[in-house]
Full PDB file with SEQRES, HELIX, SHEET, SSBOND, CRYST1, ORIGX, SCALE, CONECT and MASTER records, all heavy atoms in Angstrom:
SEQRES   1 A   41  ASN GLY LYS GLY GLU GLU TRP LEU PHE SER TYR ARG PHE          
SEQRES   2 A   41  ALA GLN THR TYR LEU ALA GLU CYS ARG PRO ARG ARG SER          
SEQRES   3 A   41  ASN SER LYS LYS ASN ARG THR ALA VAL ALA ARG GLU ILE          
SEQRES   4 A   41  PRO ALA                                                      
HELIX    1 AA1 GLU A    5  ARG A   24  1                                  20    
HELIX    2 AA2 ARG A   25  ASN A   27  5                                   3    
CRYST1    1.000    1.000    1.000  90.00  90.00  90.00 P 1           1          
ORIGX1      1.000000  0.000000  0.000000        0.00000                         
ORIGX2      0.000000  1.000000  0.000000        0.00000                         
ORIGX3      0.000000  0.000000  1.000000        0.00000                         
SCALE1      1.000000  0.000000  0.000000        0.00000                         
SCALE2      0.000000  1.000000  0.000000        0.00000                         
SCALE3      0.000000  0.000000  1.000000        0.00000                         
ATOM      1  N   ASN A   1       0.808  -1.207   0.000  1.00  0.00           N  
ATOM      2  CA  ASN A   1       0.000   0.000   0.000  1.00  0.00           C  
ATOM      3  C   ASN A   1       0.846   1.265   0.000  1.00  0.00           C  
ATOM      4  O   ASN A   1       0.320   2.357   0.012  1.00  0.00           O  
ATOM      5  CB  ASN A   1      -0.939  -0.003   1.211  1.00  0.00           C  
ATOM      6  CG  ASN A   1      -2.107   0.917   1.000  1.00  0.00           C  
ATOM      7  OD1 ASN A   1      -2.378   1.351  -0.105  1.00  0.00           O  
ATOM      8  ND2 ASN A   1      -2.801   1.217   2.084  1.00  0.00           N  
ATOM      9  N   GLY A   2       2.155   1.147  -0.032  1.00  0.00           N  
ATOM     10  CA  GLY A   2       3.015   2.322   0.025  1.00  0.00           C  
ATOM     11  C   GLY A   2       3.189   2.994  -1.325  1.00  0.00           C  
ATOM     12  O   GLY A   2       2.807   2.468  -2.363  1.00  0.00           O  
ATOM     13  N   LYS A   3       3.776   4.167  -1.299  1.00  0.00           N  
ATOM     14  CA  LYS A   3       4.035   4.910  -2.519  1.00  0.00           C  
ATOM     15  C   LYS A   3       5.453   4.592  -2.961  1.00  0.00           C  
ATOM     16  O   LYS A   3       6.404   4.858  -2.253  1.00  0.00           O  
ATOM     17  CB  LYS A   3       3.859   6.395  -2.271  1.00  0.00           C  
ATOM     18  CG  LYS A   3       2.441   6.755  -1.884  1.00  0.00           C  
ATOM     19  CD  LYS A   3       2.332   8.211  -1.556  1.00  0.00           C  
ATOM     20  CE  LYS A   3       0.906   8.525  -1.136  1.00  0.00           C  
ATOM     21  NZ  LYS A   3       0.738   9.895  -0.692  1.00  0.00           N  
ATOM     22  N   GLY A   4       5.590   4.020  -4.152  1.00  0.00           N  
ATOM     23  CA  GLY A   4       6.898   3.612  -4.633  1.00  0.00           C  
ATOM     24  C   GLY A   4       7.484   4.564  -5.646  1.00  0.00           C  
ATOM     25  O   GLY A   4       7.019   5.689  -5.833  1.00  0.00           O  
ATOM     26  N   GLU A   5       8.521   4.087  -6.315  1.00  0.00           N  
ATOM     27  CA  GLU A   5       9.238   4.903  -7.287  1.00  0.00           C  
ATOM     28  C   GLU A   5       8.361   5.289  -8.467  1.00  0.00           C  
ATOM     29  O   GLU A   5       8.427   6.412  -8.949  1.00  0.00           O  
ATOM     30  CB  GLU A   5      10.458   4.134  -7.797  1.00  0.00           C  
ATOM     31  CG  GLU A   5      11.611   4.073  -6.829  1.00  0.00           C  
ATOM     32  CD  GLU A   5      12.785   3.346  -7.450  1.00  0.00           C  
ATOM     33  OE1 GLU A   5      13.291   3.832  -8.491  1.00  0.00           O  
ATOM     34  OE2 GLU A   5      13.176   2.311  -6.914  1.00  0.00           O  
ATOM     35  N   GLU A   6       7.552   4.335  -8.946  1.00  0.00           N  
ATOM     36  CA  GLU A   6       6.706   4.633 -10.101  1.00  0.00           C  
ATOM     37  C   GLU A   6       5.652   5.684  -9.749  1.00  0.00           C  
ATOM     38  O   GLU A   6       5.331   6.551 -10.558  1.00  0.00           O  
ATOM     39  CB  GLU A   6       6.046   3.358 -10.626  1.00  0.00           C  
ATOM     40  CG  GLU A   6       5.522   3.520 -12.033  1.00  0.00           C  
ATOM     41  CD  GLU A   6       5.308   2.187 -12.713  1.00  0.00           C  
ATOM     42  OE1 GLU A   6       6.308   1.591 -13.166  1.00  0.00           O  
ATOM     43  OE2 GLU A   6       4.151   1.752 -12.783  1.00  0.00           O  
ATOM     44  N   TRP A   7       5.123   5.611  -8.530  1.00  0.00           N  
ATOM     45  CA  TRP A   7       4.153   6.618  -8.088  1.00  0.00           C  
ATOM     46  C   TRP A   7       4.815   7.995  -8.079  1.00  0.00           C  
ATOM     47  O   TRP A   7       4.243   8.963  -8.572  1.00  0.00           O  
ATOM     48  CB  TRP A   7       3.631   6.279  -6.695  1.00  0.00           C  
ATOM     49  CG  TRP A   7       2.667   7.307  -6.190  1.00  0.00           C  
ATOM     50  CD1 TRP A   7       1.315   7.300  -6.341  1.00  0.00           C  
ATOM     51  CD2 TRP A   7       2.986   8.510  -5.480  1.00  0.00           C  
ATOM     52  NE1 TRP A   7       0.759   8.421  -5.776  1.00  0.00           N  
ATOM     53  CE2 TRP A   7       1.776   9.188  -5.238  1.00  0.00           C  
ATOM     54  CE3 TRP A   7       4.160   9.094  -5.031  1.00  0.00           C  
ATOM     55  CZ2 TRP A   7       1.710  10.406  -4.566  1.00  0.00           C  
ATOM     56  CZ3 TRP A   7       4.101  10.308  -4.367  1.00  0.00           C  
ATOM     57  CH2 TRP A   7       2.875  10.947  -4.134  1.00  0.00           C  
ATOM     58  N   LEU A   8       6.026   8.090  -7.527  1.00  0.00           N  
ATOM     59  CA  LEU A   8       6.739   9.362  -7.463  1.00  0.00           C  
ATOM     60  C   LEU A   8       7.057   9.880  -8.865  1.00  0.00           C  
ATOM     61  O   LEU A   8       6.885  11.070  -9.152  1.00  0.00           O  
ATOM     62  CB  LEU A   8       8.028   9.214  -6.647  1.00  0.00           C  
ATOM     63  CG  LEU A   8       8.842  10.494  -6.458  1.00  0.00           C  
ATOM     64  CD1 LEU A   8       8.052  11.526  -5.660  1.00  0.00           C  
ATOM     65  CD2 LEU A   8      10.154  10.177  -5.758  1.00  0.00           C  
ATOM     66  N   PHE A   9       7.487   8.987  -9.746  1.00  0.00           N  
ATOM     67  CA  PHE A   9       7.783   9.356 -11.129  1.00  0.00           C  
ATOM     68  C   PHE A   9       6.532   9.934 -11.805  1.00  0.00           C  
ATOM     69  O   PHE A   9       6.582  10.987 -12.454  1.00  0.00           O  
ATOM     70  CB  PHE A   9       8.288   8.122 -11.884  1.00  0.00           C  
ATOM     71  CG  PHE A   9       8.626   8.371 -13.323  1.00  0.00           C  
ATOM     72  CD1 PHE A   9       9.765   9.075 -13.667  1.00  0.00           C  
ATOM     73  CD2 PHE A   9       7.810   7.888 -14.327  1.00  0.00           C  
ATOM     74  CE1 PHE A   9      10.095   9.299 -15.001  1.00  0.00           C  
ATOM     75  CE2 PHE A   9       8.119   8.110 -15.663  1.00  0.00           C  
ATOM     76  CZ  PHE A   9       9.263   8.816 -16.001  1.00  0.00           C  
ATOM     77  N   SER A  10       5.413   9.273 -11.609  1.00  0.00           N  
ATOM     78  CA  SER A  10       4.148   9.719 -12.192  1.00  0.00           C  
ATOM     79  C   SER A  10       3.712  11.070 -11.644  1.00  0.00           C  
ATOM     80  O   SER A  10       3.307  11.969 -12.383  1.00  0.00           O  
ATOM     81  CB  SER A  10       3.071   8.661 -11.907  1.00  0.00           C  
ATOM     82  OG  SER A  10       1.821   9.099 -12.315  1.00  0.00           O  
ATOM     83  N   TYR A  11       3.832  11.231 -10.337  1.00  0.00           N  
ATOM     84  CA  TYR A  11       3.400  12.468  -9.690  1.00  0.00           C  
ATOM     85  C   TYR A  11       4.263  13.656 -10.109  1.00  0.00           C  
ATOM     86  O   TYR A  11       3.761  14.731 -10.429  1.00  0.00           O  
ATOM     87  CB  TYR A  11       3.424  12.293  -8.170  1.00  0.00           C  
ATOM     88  CG  TYR A  11       2.699  13.393  -7.440  1.00  0.00           C  
ATOM     89  CD1 TYR A  11       1.310  13.386  -7.358  1.00  0.00           C  
ATOM     90  CD2 TYR A  11       3.393  14.437  -6.845  1.00  0.00           C  
ATOM     91  CE1 TYR A  11       0.633  14.401  -6.692  1.00  0.00           C  
ATOM     92  CE2 TYR A  11       2.727  15.454  -6.182  1.00  0.00           C  
ATOM     93  CZ  TYR A  11       1.346  15.426  -6.106  1.00  0.00           C  
ATOM     94  OH  TYR A  11       0.679  16.427  -5.473  1.00  0.00           O  
ATOM     95  N   ARG A  12       5.586  13.456 -10.148  1.00  0.00           N  
ATOM     96  CA  ARG A  12       6.499  14.535 -10.553  1.00  0.00           C  
ATOM     97  C   ARG A  12       6.284  14.907 -12.028  1.00  0.00           C  
ATOM     98  O   ARG A  12       6.362  16.066 -12.401  1.00  0.00           O  
ATOM     99  CB  ARG A  12       7.958  14.144 -10.316  1.00  0.00           C  
ATOM    100  CG  ARG A  12       8.316  13.985  -8.864  1.00  0.00           C  
ATOM    101  CD  ARG A  12       8.371  15.345  -8.164  1.00  0.00           C  
ATOM    102  NE  ARG A  12       8.804  15.170  -6.812  1.00  0.00           N  
ATOM    103  CZ  ARG A  12       8.066  15.445  -5.745  1.00  0.00           C  
ATOM    104  NH1 ARG A  12       6.855  15.920  -5.884  1.00  0.00           N  
ATOM    105  NH2 ARG A  12       8.527  15.253  -4.532  1.00  0.00           N  
ATOM    106  N   PHE A  13       6.026  13.884 -12.849  1.00  0.00           N  
ATOM    107  CA  PHE A  13       5.745  14.175 -14.257  1.00  0.00           C  
ATOM    108  C   PHE A  13       4.477  15.018 -14.374  1.00  0.00           C  
ATOM    109  O   PHE A  13       4.444  15.986 -15.133  1.00  0.00           O  
ATOM    110  CB  PHE A  13       5.579  12.884 -15.062  1.00  0.00           C  
ATOM    111  CG  PHE A  13       5.082  13.135 -16.456  1.00  0.00           C  
ATOM    112  CD1 PHE A  13       5.951  13.558 -17.448  1.00  0.00           C  
ATOM    113  CD2 PHE A  13       3.738  12.991 -16.770  1.00  0.00           C  
ATOM    114  CE1 PHE A  13       5.496  13.828 -18.729  1.00  0.00           C  
ATOM    115  CE2 PHE A  13       3.267  13.260 -18.040  1.00  0.00           C  
ATOM    116  CZ  PHE A  13       4.150  13.671 -19.034  1.00  0.00           C  
ATOM    117  N   ALA A  14       3.431  14.664 -13.634  1.00  0.00           N  
ATOM    118  CA  ALA A  14       2.172  15.411 -13.686  1.00  0.00           C  
ATOM    119  C   ALA A  14       2.390  16.868 -13.285  1.00  0.00           C  
ATOM    120  O   ALA A  14       1.866  17.781 -13.939  1.00  0.00           O  
ATOM    121  CB  ALA A  14       1.136  14.751 -12.782  1.00  0.00           C  
ATOM    122  N   GLN A  15       3.149  17.100 -12.237  1.00  0.00           N  
ATOM    123  CA  GLN A  15       3.434  18.473 -11.808  1.00  0.00           C  
ATOM    124  C   GLN A  15       4.192  19.250 -12.886  1.00  0.00           C  
ATOM    125  O   GLN A  15       3.867  20.400 -13.176  1.00  0.00           O  
ATOM    126  CB  GLN A  15       4.254  18.466 -10.511  1.00  0.00           C  
ATOM    127  CG  GLN A  15       3.468  18.032  -9.297  1.00  0.00           C  
ATOM    128  CD  GLN A  15       4.351  17.997  -8.058  1.00  0.00           C  
ATOM    129  OE1 GLN A  15       5.505  17.577  -8.106  1.00  0.00           O  
ATOM    130  NE2 GLN A  15       3.784  18.442  -6.947  1.00  0.00           N  
ATOM    131  N   THR A  16       5.203  18.614 -13.481  1.00  0.00           N  
ATOM    132  CA  THR A  16       6.007  19.269 -14.510  1.00  0.00           C  
ATOM    133  C   THR A  16       5.167  19.548 -15.753  1.00  0.00           C  
ATOM    134  O   THR A  16       5.243  20.627 -16.337  1.00  0.00           O  
ATOM    135  CB  THR A  16       7.232  18.401 -14.864  1.00  0.00           C  
ATOM    136  OG1 THR A  16       7.970  18.140 -13.676  1.00  0.00           O  
ATOM    137  CG2 THR A  16       8.125  19.087 -15.879  1.00  0.00           C  
ATOM    138  N   TYR A  17       4.358  18.573 -16.157  1.00  0.00           N  
ATOM    139  CA  TYR A  17       3.505  18.747 -17.335  1.00  0.00           C  
ATOM    140  C   TYR A  17       2.528  19.903 -17.135  1.00  0.00           C  
ATOM    141  O   TYR A  17       2.363  20.750 -18.009  1.00  0.00           O  
ATOM    142  CB  TYR A  17       2.750  17.451 -17.632  1.00  0.00           C  
ATOM    143  CG  TYR A  17       1.797  17.572 -18.786  1.00  0.00           C  
ATOM    144  CD1 TYR A  17       2.263  17.572 -20.100  1.00  0.00           C  
ATOM    145  CD2 TYR A  17       0.431  17.703 -18.572  1.00  0.00           C  
ATOM    146  CE1 TYR A  17       1.397  17.697 -21.164  1.00  0.00           C  
ATOM    147  CE2 TYR A  17      -0.444  17.830 -19.637  1.00  0.00           C  
ATOM    148  CZ  TYR A  17       0.044  17.820 -20.929  1.00  0.00           C  
ATOM    149  OH  TYR A  17      -0.827  17.947 -21.985  1.00  0.00           O  
ATOM    150  N   LEU A  18       1.907  19.952 -15.978  1.00  0.00           N  
ATOM    151  CA  LEU A  18       0.947  21.017 -15.697  1.00  0.00           C  
ATOM    152  C   LEU A  18       1.641  22.382 -15.678  1.00  0.00           C  
ATOM    153  O   LEU A  18       1.113  23.361 -16.200  1.00  0.00           O  
ATOM    154  CB  LEU A  18       0.248  20.752 -14.365  1.00  0.00           C  
ATOM    155  CG  LEU A  18      -0.978  21.593 -14.047  1.00  0.00           C  
ATOM    156  CD1 LEU A  18      -2.018  21.482 -15.145  1.00  0.00           C  
ATOM    157  CD2 LEU A  18      -1.579  21.158 -12.727  1.00  0.00           C  
ATOM    158  N   ALA A  19       2.840  22.451 -15.102  1.00  0.00           N  
ATOM    159  CA  ALA A  19       3.593  23.711 -15.083  1.00  0.00           C  
ATOM    160  C   ALA A  19       3.976  24.149 -16.497  1.00  0.00           C  
ATOM    161  O   ALA A  19       3.940  25.336 -16.816  1.00  0.00           O  
ATOM    162  CB  ALA A  19       4.846  23.561 -14.230  1.00  0.00           C  
ATOM    163  N   GLU A  20       4.318  23.198 -17.362  1.00  0.00           N  
ATOM    164  CA  GLU A  20       4.657  23.525 -18.746  1.00  0.00           C  
ATOM    165  C   GLU A  20       3.441  23.981 -19.530  1.00  0.00           C  
ATOM    166  O   GLU A  20       3.565  24.771 -20.456  1.00  0.00           O  
ATOM    167  CB  GLU A  20       5.283  22.318 -19.456  1.00  0.00           C  
ATOM    168  CG  GLU A  20       6.731  22.117 -19.159  1.00  0.00           C  
ATOM    169  CD  GLU A  20       7.354  21.069 -20.055  1.00  0.00           C  
ATOM    170  OE1 GLU A  20       6.704  20.604 -21.019  1.00  0.00           O  
ATOM    171  OE2 GLU A  20       8.509  20.702 -19.791  1.00  0.00           O  
ATOM    172  N   CYS A  21       2.270  23.478 -19.193  1.00  0.00           N  
ATOM    173  CA  CYS A  21       1.047  23.836 -19.914  1.00  0.00           C  
ATOM    174  C   CYS A  21       0.696  25.295 -19.718  1.00  0.00           C  
ATOM    175  O   CYS A  21       0.129  25.924 -20.606  1.00  0.00           O  
ATOM    176  CB  CYS A  21      -0.126  22.978 -19.459  1.00  0.00           C  
ATOM    177  SG  CYS A  21      -0.102  21.324 -20.147  1.00  0.00           S  
ATOM    178  N   ARG A  22       1.010  25.852 -18.583  1.00  0.00           N  
ATOM    179  CA  ARG A  22       0.606  27.235 -18.293  1.00  0.00           C  
ATOM    180  C   ARG A  22       1.115  28.222 -19.343  1.00  0.00           C  
ATOM    181  O   ARG A  22       0.323  28.859 -20.004  1.00  0.00           O  
ATOM    182  CB  ARG A  22       1.045  27.627 -16.889  1.00  0.00           C  
ATOM    183  CG  ARG A  22       0.222  26.925 -15.843  1.00  0.00           C  
ATOM    184  CD  ARG A  22       0.520  27.431 -14.449  1.00  0.00           C  
ATOM    185  NE  ARG A  22      -0.307  26.698 -13.499  1.00  0.00           N  
ATOM    186  CZ  ARG A  22       0.160  25.880 -12.580  1.00  0.00           C  
ATOM    187  NH1 ARG A  22       1.449  25.699 -12.446  1.00  0.00           N  
ATOM    188  NH2 ARG A  22      -0.660  25.243 -11.771  1.00  0.00           N  
ATOM    189  N   PRO A  23       2.442  28.350 -19.535  1.00  0.00           N  
ATOM    190  CA  PRO A  23       2.886  29.323 -20.536  1.00  0.00           C  
ATOM    191  C   PRO A  23       2.639  28.878 -21.972  1.00  0.00           C  
ATOM    192  O   PRO A  23       2.340  29.669 -22.831  1.00  0.00           O  
ATOM    193  CB  PRO A  23       4.380  29.463 -20.265  1.00  0.00           C  
ATOM    194  CG  PRO A  23       4.770  28.254 -19.512  1.00  0.00           C  
ATOM    195  CD  PRO A  23       3.539  27.782 -18.782  1.00  0.00           C  
ATOM    196  N   ARG A  24       2.746  27.566 -22.238  1.00  0.00           N  
ATOM    197  CA  ARG A  24       2.645  27.071 -23.608  1.00  0.00           C  
ATOM    198  C   ARG A  24       1.238  27.212 -24.160  1.00  0.00           C  
ATOM    199  O   ARG A  24       1.037  27.471 -25.328  1.00  0.00           O  
ATOM    200  CB  ARG A  24       3.067  25.594 -23.623  1.00  0.00           C  
ATOM    201  CG  ARG A  24       3.356  25.046 -24.974  1.00  0.00           C  
ATOM    202  CD  ARG A  24       4.086  23.732 -24.852  1.00  0.00           C  
ATOM    203  NE  ARG A  24       3.404  22.769 -24.038  1.00  0.00           N  
ATOM    204  CZ  ARG A  24       2.605  21.831 -24.501  1.00  0.00           C  
ATOM    205  NH1 ARG A  24       2.354  21.740 -25.770  1.00  0.00           N  
ATOM    206  NH2 ARG A  24       2.036  20.973 -23.675  1.00  0.00           N  
ATOM    207  N   ARG A  25       0.243  27.045 -23.318  1.00  0.00           N  
ATOM    208  CA  ARG A  25      -1.134  27.072 -23.767  1.00  0.00           C  
ATOM    209  C   ARG A  25      -1.720  28.481 -23.848  1.00  0.00           C  
ATOM    210  O   ARG A  25      -2.821  28.657 -24.319  1.00  0.00           O  
ATOM    211  CB  ARG A  25      -2.004  26.234 -22.831  1.00  0.00           C  
ATOM    212  CG  ARG A  25      -1.732  24.762 -22.935  1.00  0.00           C  
ATOM    213  CD  ARG A  25      -2.434  24.192 -24.101  1.00  0.00           C  
ATOM    214  NE  ARG A  25      -2.031  22.815 -24.309  1.00  0.00           N  
ATOM    215  CZ  ARG A  25      -2.185  22.177 -25.443  1.00  0.00           C  
ATOM    216  NH1 ARG A  25      -2.691  22.783 -26.475  1.00  0.00           N  
ATOM    217  NH2 ARG A  25      -1.811  20.931 -25.563  1.00  0.00           N  
ATOM    218  N   SER A  26      -1.004  29.504 -23.387  1.00  0.00           N  
ATOM    219  CA  SER A  26      -1.576  30.850 -23.348  1.00  0.00           C  
ATOM    220  C   SER A  26      -1.910  31.377 -24.743  1.00  0.00           C  
ATOM    221  O   SER A  26      -2.843  32.136 -24.906  1.00  0.00           O  
ATOM    222  CB  SER A  26      -0.633  31.807 -22.623  1.00  0.00           C  
ATOM    223  OG  SER A  26       0.595  31.851 -23.305  1.00  0.00           O  
ATOM    224  N   ASN A  27      -1.167  30.976 -25.777  1.00  0.00           N  
ATOM    225  CA  ASN A  27      -1.428  31.441 -27.132  1.00  0.00           C  
ATOM    226  C   ASN A  27      -2.340  30.483 -27.902  1.00  0.00           C  
ATOM    227  O   ASN A  27      -2.685  30.751 -29.036  1.00  0.00           O  
ATOM    228  CB  ASN A  27      -0.112  31.610 -27.897  1.00  0.00           C  
ATOM    229  CG  ASN A  27       0.748  32.681 -27.277  1.00  0.00           C  
ATOM    230  OD1 ASN A  27       0.240  33.632 -26.709  1.00  0.00           O  
ATOM    231  ND2 ASN A  27       2.050  32.512 -27.366  1.00  0.00           N  
ATOM    232  N   SER A  28      -2.697  29.396 -27.316  1.00  0.00           N  
ATOM    233  CA  SER A  28      -3.514  28.397 -27.970  1.00  0.00           C  
ATOM    234  C   SER A  28      -4.996  28.673 -27.733  1.00  0.00           C  
ATOM    235  O   SER A  28      -5.379  29.305 -26.757  1.00  0.00           O  
ATOM    236  CB  SER A  28      -3.150  27.013 -27.418  1.00  0.00           C  
ATOM    237  OG  SER A  28      -4.045  26.049 -27.895  1.00  0.00           O  
ATOM    238  N   LYS A  29      -5.825  28.179 -28.645  1.00  0.00           N  
ATOM    239  CA  LYS A  29      -7.276  28.289 -28.433  1.00  0.00           C  
ATOM    240  C   LYS A  29      -7.691  27.464 -27.223  1.00  0.00           C  
ATOM    241  O   LYS A  29      -8.572  27.839 -26.486  1.00  0.00           O  
ATOM    242  CB  LYS A  29      -8.020  27.810 -29.672  1.00  0.00           C  
ATOM    243  CG  LYS A  29      -7.947  28.769 -30.825  1.00  0.00           C  
ATOM    244  CD  LYS A  29      -8.772  28.268 -31.979  1.00  0.00           C  
ATOM    245  CE  LYS A  29      -8.702  29.250 -33.128  1.00  0.00           C  
ATOM    246  NZ  LYS A  29      -9.459  28.780 -34.290  1.00  0.00           N  
ATOM    247  N   LYS A  30      -7.041  26.319 -27.055  1.00  0.00           N  
ATOM    248  CA  LYS A  30      -7.330  25.459 -25.907  1.00  0.00           C  
ATOM    249  C   LYS A  30      -6.435  25.906 -24.760  1.00  0.00           C  
ATOM    250  O   LYS A  30      -5.340  25.412 -24.579  1.00  0.00           O  
ATOM    251  CB  LYS A  30      -7.127  23.997 -26.265  1.00  0.00           C  
ATOM    252  CG  LYS A  30      -8.129  23.548 -27.315  1.00  0.00           C  
ATOM    253  CD  LYS A  30      -8.064  22.098 -27.598  1.00  0.00           C  
ATOM    254  CE  LYS A  30      -9.115  21.758 -28.640  1.00  0.00           C  
ATOM    255  NZ  LYS A  30      -9.077  20.376 -29.032  1.00  0.00           N  
ATOM    256  N   ASN A  31      -6.929  26.868 -24.001  1.00  0.00           N  
ATOM    257  CA  ASN A  31      -6.108  27.547 -23.003  1.00  0.00           C  
ATOM    258  C   ASN A  31      -6.385  27.112 -21.571  1.00  0.00           C  
ATOM    259  O   ASN A  31      -5.907  27.736 -20.643  1.00  0.00           O  
ATOM    260  CB  ASN A  31      -6.295  29.057 -23.128  1.00  0.00           C  
ATOM    261  CG  ASN A  31      -7.754  29.469 -22.992  1.00  0.00           C  
ATOM    262  OD1 ASN A  31      -8.627  28.635 -22.786  1.00  0.00           O  
ATOM    263  ND2 ASN A  31      -8.011  30.747 -23.126  1.00  0.00           N  
ATOM    264  N   ARG A  32      -7.149  26.062 -21.388  1.00  0.00           N  
ATOM    265  CA  ARG A  32      -7.416  25.559 -20.037  1.00  0.00           C  
ATOM    266  C   ARG A  32      -6.974  24.103 -19.966  1.00  0.00           C  
ATOM    267  O   ARG A  32      -7.104  23.363 -20.938  1.00  0.00           O  
ATOM    268  CB  ARG A  32      -8.915  25.648 -19.713  1.00  0.00           C  
ATOM    269  CG  ARG A  32      -9.543  27.021 -19.828  1.00  0.00           C  
ATOM    270  CD  ARG A  32      -9.199  27.960 -18.701  1.00  0.00           C  
ATOM    271  NE  ARG A  32      -9.432  27.436 -17.392  1.00  0.00           N  
ATOM    272  CZ  ARG A  32     -10.558  27.555 -16.703  1.00  0.00           C  
ATOM    273  NH1 ARG A  32     -11.582  28.199 -17.200  1.00  0.00           N  
ATOM    274  NH2 ARG A  32     -10.661  27.050 -15.495  1.00  0.00           N  
ATOM    275  N   THR A  33      -6.472  23.697 -18.810  1.00  0.00           N  
ATOM    276  CA  THR A  33      -5.976  22.334 -18.626  1.00  0.00           C  
ATOM    277  C   THR A  33      -6.375  21.813 -17.251  1.00  0.00           C  
ATOM    278  O   THR A  33      -6.262  22.531 -16.262  1.00  0.00           O  
ATOM    279  CB  THR A  33      -4.437  22.291 -18.744  1.00  0.00           C  
ATOM    280  OG1 THR A  33      -4.056  22.777 -20.022  1.00  0.00           O  
ATOM    281  CG2 THR A  33      -3.903  20.880 -18.574  1.00  0.00           C  
ATOM    282  N   ALA A  34      -6.823  20.570 -17.210  1.00  0.00           N  
ATOM    283  CA  ALA A  34      -7.073  19.864 -15.947  1.00  0.00           C  
ATOM    284  C   ALA A  34      -6.370  18.516 -16.039  1.00  0.00           C  
ATOM    285  O   ALA A  34      -6.398  17.862 -17.081  1.00  0.00           O  
ATOM    286  CB  ALA A  34      -8.563  19.677 -15.716  1.00  0.00           C  
ATOM    287  N   VAL A  35      -5.722  18.122 -14.951  1.00  0.00           N  
ATOM    288  CA  VAL A  35      -4.951  16.879 -14.912  1.00  0.00           C  
ATOM    289  C   VAL A  35      -5.398  16.056 -13.711  1.00  0.00           C  
ATOM    290  O   VAL A  35      -5.527  16.585 -12.610  1.00  0.00           O  
ATOM    291  CB  VAL A  35      -3.436  17.182 -14.819  1.00  0.00           C  
ATOM    292  CG1 VAL A  35      -2.632  15.912 -14.687  1.00  0.00           C  
ATOM    293  CG2 VAL A  35      -2.973  17.981 -16.022  1.00  0.00           C  
ATOM    294  N   ALA A  36      -5.622  14.763 -13.944  1.00  0.00           N  
ATOM    295  CA  ALA A  36      -5.988  13.845 -12.854  1.00  0.00           C  
ATOM    296  C   ALA A  36      -5.259  12.526 -13.043  1.00  0.00           C  
ATOM    297  O   ALA A  36      -4.967  12.118 -14.170  1.00  0.00           O  
ATOM    298  CB  ALA A  36      -7.490  13.624 -12.816  1.00  0.00           C  
ATOM    299  N   ARG A  37      -4.971  11.872 -11.925  1.00  0.00           N  
ATOM    300  CA  ARG A  37      -4.240  10.607 -11.956  1.00  0.00           C  
ATOM    301  C   ARG A  37      -5.182   9.424 -11.790  1.00  0.00           C  
ATOM    302  O   ARG A  37      -6.238   9.540 -11.181  1.00  0.00           O  
ATOM    303  CB  ARG A  37      -3.211  10.565 -10.811  1.00  0.00           C  
ATOM    304  CG  ARG A  37      -2.160  11.636 -10.901  1.00  0.00           C  
ATOM    305  CD  ARG A  37      -1.165  11.583  -9.740  1.00  0.00           C  
ATOM    306  NE  ARG A  37      -1.799  11.797  -8.454  1.00  0.00           N  
ATOM    307  CZ  ARG A  37      -1.808  10.911  -7.459  1.00  0.00           C  
ATOM    308  NH1 ARG A  37      -1.209   9.765  -7.589  1.00  0.00           N  
ATOM    309  NH2 ARG A  37      -2.396  11.189  -6.334  1.00  0.00           N  
ATOM    310  N   GLU A  38      -4.762   8.279 -12.350  1.00  0.00           N  
ATOM    311  CA  GLU A  38      -5.420   6.984 -12.183  1.00  0.00           C  
ATOM    312  C   GLU A  38      -6.909   7.043 -12.497  1.00  0.00           C  
ATOM    313  O   GLU A  38      -7.754   6.809 -11.639  1.00  0.00           O  
ATOM    314  CB  GLU A  38      -5.142   6.437 -10.789  1.00  0.00           C  
ATOM    315  CG  GLU A  38      -3.660   6.208 -10.573  1.00  0.00           C  
ATOM    316  CD  GLU A  38      -3.333   5.545  -9.252  1.00  0.00           C  
ATOM    317  OE1 GLU A  38      -4.228   4.943  -8.643  1.00  0.00           O  
ATOM    318  OE2 GLU A  38      -2.173   5.643  -8.839  1.00  0.00           O  
ATOM    319  N   ILE A  39      -7.205   7.314 -13.764  1.00  0.00           N  
ATOM    320  CA  ILE A  39      -8.582   7.379 -14.247  1.00  0.00           C  
ATOM    321  C   ILE A  39      -8.905   6.063 -14.951  1.00  0.00           C  
ATOM    322  O   ILE A  39      -8.262   5.718 -15.941  1.00  0.00           O  
ATOM    323  CB  ILE A  39      -8.764   8.573 -15.214  1.00  0.00           C  
ATOM    324  CG1 ILE A  39      -8.437   9.888 -14.524  1.00  0.00           C  
ATOM    325  CG2 ILE A  39     -10.168   8.591 -15.800  1.00  0.00           C  
ATOM    326  CD1 ILE A  39      -9.362  10.276 -13.399  1.00  0.00           C  
ATOM    327  N   PRO A  40      -9.922   5.319 -14.486  1.00  0.00           N  
ATOM    328  CA  PRO A  40     -10.268   4.047 -15.119  1.00  0.00           C  
ATOM    329  C   PRO A  40     -11.189   4.242 -16.324  1.00  0.00           C  
ATOM    330  O   PRO A  40     -12.039   5.119 -16.328  1.00  0.00           O  
ATOM    331  CB  PRO A  40     -11.003   3.303 -13.995  1.00  0.00           C  
ATOM    332  CG  PRO A  40     -11.639   4.397 -13.204  1.00  0.00           C  
ATOM    333  CD  PRO A  40     -10.695   5.574 -13.274  1.00  0.00           C  
ATOM    334  N   ALA A  41     -10.987   3.430 -17.344  1.00  0.00           N  
ATOM    335  CA  ALA A  41     -11.888   3.379 -18.498  1.00  0.00           C  
ATOM    336  C   ALA A  41     -12.296   1.925 -18.666  1.00  0.00           C  
ATOM    337  O   ALA A  41     -11.438   1.068 -18.898  1.00  0.00           O  
ATOM    338  CB  ALA A  41     -11.200   3.896 -19.745  1.00  0.00           C  
TER     339      ALA A  41                                                      
MASTER        0    0    0    2    0    0    0    6  338    1    0    4          
END                                                                             
């Protein structure tokens, strides 16, 4: 039940991706972003 390396890798990537979206998306028509982890389909 603990948080391992893959969990940390995933979480840090999500933070970095969201931070990159802020300036990059400002000139785009699609200027809003929402990110969520572990979504089942």
